[in-house]
């Protein structure tokens, strides 16, 4: 028997990665875990040197993954005015 309790998940498709949002049964804090499978993500712990509180995490995700997770609205597009000629 596992200790994970799934909150939400998406199976990997040809175009999008898979992910699972879950809780741990014996976790004493109010926390969830996000497990990404097949995502080219960069994870950075941001130190308090830049004024962020300790423990701040910056997670760089592909927009398609963020959209799939519901973090980015479907109609949103990145403003790329600085790339225009």
Protein backbone atom coordinates (compact mmCIF):
# COMPACT_ATOMS: atom_id res chain seq x y z
CA UNK A 1 0.00 0.00 0.00
CA UNK A 2 1.36 3.41 -0.99
CA UNK A 3 1.32 6.57 1.08
CA UNK A 4 0.27 8.91 -1.74
CA UNK A 5 -3.26 10.20 -2.05
CA UNK A 6 -3.85 11.64 -5.53
CA UNK A 7 -5.62 14.99 -5.71
CA UNK A 8 -5.47 15.38 -9.49
CA UNK A 9 -3.50 13.92 -12.40
CA UNK A 10 -3.03 14.00 -16.16
CA UNK A 11 -1.67 11.13 -18.22
CA UNK A 12 1.21 11.90 -20.58
CA UNK A 13 0.14 12.43 -24.19
CA UNK A 14 2.18 12.76 -27.37
CA UNK A 15 2.25 16.56 -26.93
CA UNK A 16 1.99 17.12 -23.19
CA UNK A 17 3.77 15.70 -20.14
CA UNK A 18 2.12 13.76 -17.38
CA UNK A 19 1.76 15.08 -13.86
CA UNK A 20 0.32 14.12 -10.49
CA UNK A 21 -0.74 16.40 -7.65
CA UNK A 22 -0.90 14.42 -4.43
CA UNK A 23 -0.68 14.46 -0.65
CA UNK A 24 1.33 12.15 1.56
CA UNK A 25 -0.81 10.29 4.08
CA UNK A 26 1.61 10.85 6.96
CA UNK A 27 2.44 14.50 6.13
CA UNK A 28 1.87 16.59 9.25
CA UNK A 29 1.75 19.93 7.41
CA UNK A 30 -0.94 21.17 5.03
CA UNK A 31 1.02 20.46 1.84
CA UNK A 32 0.65 18.95 -1.61
CA UNK A 33 3.29 17.55 -3.95
CA UNK A 34 3.49 18.11 -7.70
CA UNK A 35 5.26 15.38 -9.64
CA UNK A 36 6.01 16.23 -13.26
CA UNK A 37 6.94 13.51 -15.71
CA UNK A 38 8.69 14.38 -18.96
CA UNK A 39 8.85 18.14 -18.32
CA UNK A 40 11.95 20.14 -19.27
CA UNK A 41 11.76 22.29 -16.13
CA UNK A 42 14.36 24.40 -14.34
CA UNK A 43 14.03 24.59 -10.56
CA UNK A 44 15.88 27.29 -8.65
CA UNK A 45 15.94 27.94 -4.92
CA UNK A 46 15.90 31.72 -4.58
CA UNK A 47 18.12 32.89 -1.75
CA UNK A 48 17.24 35.83 0.48
CA UNK A 49 20.09 37.80 -1.16
CA UNK A 50 17.52 39.26 -3.61
CA UNK A 51 15.04 40.10 -0.90
CA UNK A 52 12.94 36.95 -1.24
CA UNK A 53 12.08 35.03 1.91
CA UNK A 54 14.16 31.87 2.48
CA UNK A 55 12.66 28.80 0.85
CA UNK A 56 11.30 30.64 -2.19
CA UNK A 57 11.33 28.37 -5.25
CA UNK A 58 11.24 29.52 -8.85
CA UNK A 59 9.94 26.83 -11.20
CA UNK A 60 10.37 27.52 -14.92
CA UNK A 61 7.84 25.51 -16.93
CA UNK A 62 6.88 25.32 -20.58
CA UNK A 63 3.73 27.40 -21.15
CA UNK A 64 1.88 24.32 -22.43
CA UNK A 65 2.52 22.57 -19.12
CA UNK A 66 1.46 25.62 -17.10
CA UNK A 67 -1.71 25.83 -19.20
CA UNK A 68 -2.34 22.10 -18.69
CA UNK A 69 -2.02 22.61 -14.91
CA UNK A 70 -4.51 25.48 -15.04
CA UNK A 71 -1.89 28.09 -14.15
CA UNK A 72 -2.19 29.94 -17.48
CA UNK A 73 -5.55 30.76 -19.13
CA UNK A 74 -6.21 28.98 -22.44
CA UNK A 75 -6.53 32.28 -24.34
CA UNK A 76 -3.29 33.77 -22.95
CA UNK A 77 -0.42 34.38 -25.33
CA UNK A 78 3.01 35.69 -24.53
CA UNK A 79 3.63 39.32 -25.47
CA UNK A 80 6.65 39.28 -27.77
CA UNK A 81 6.85 42.91 -28.82
CA UNK A 82 10.60 42.98 -28.08
CA UNK A 83 11.18 40.35 -30.79
CA UNK A 84 9.40 42.28 -33.55
CA UNK A 85 11.50 43.86 -36.25
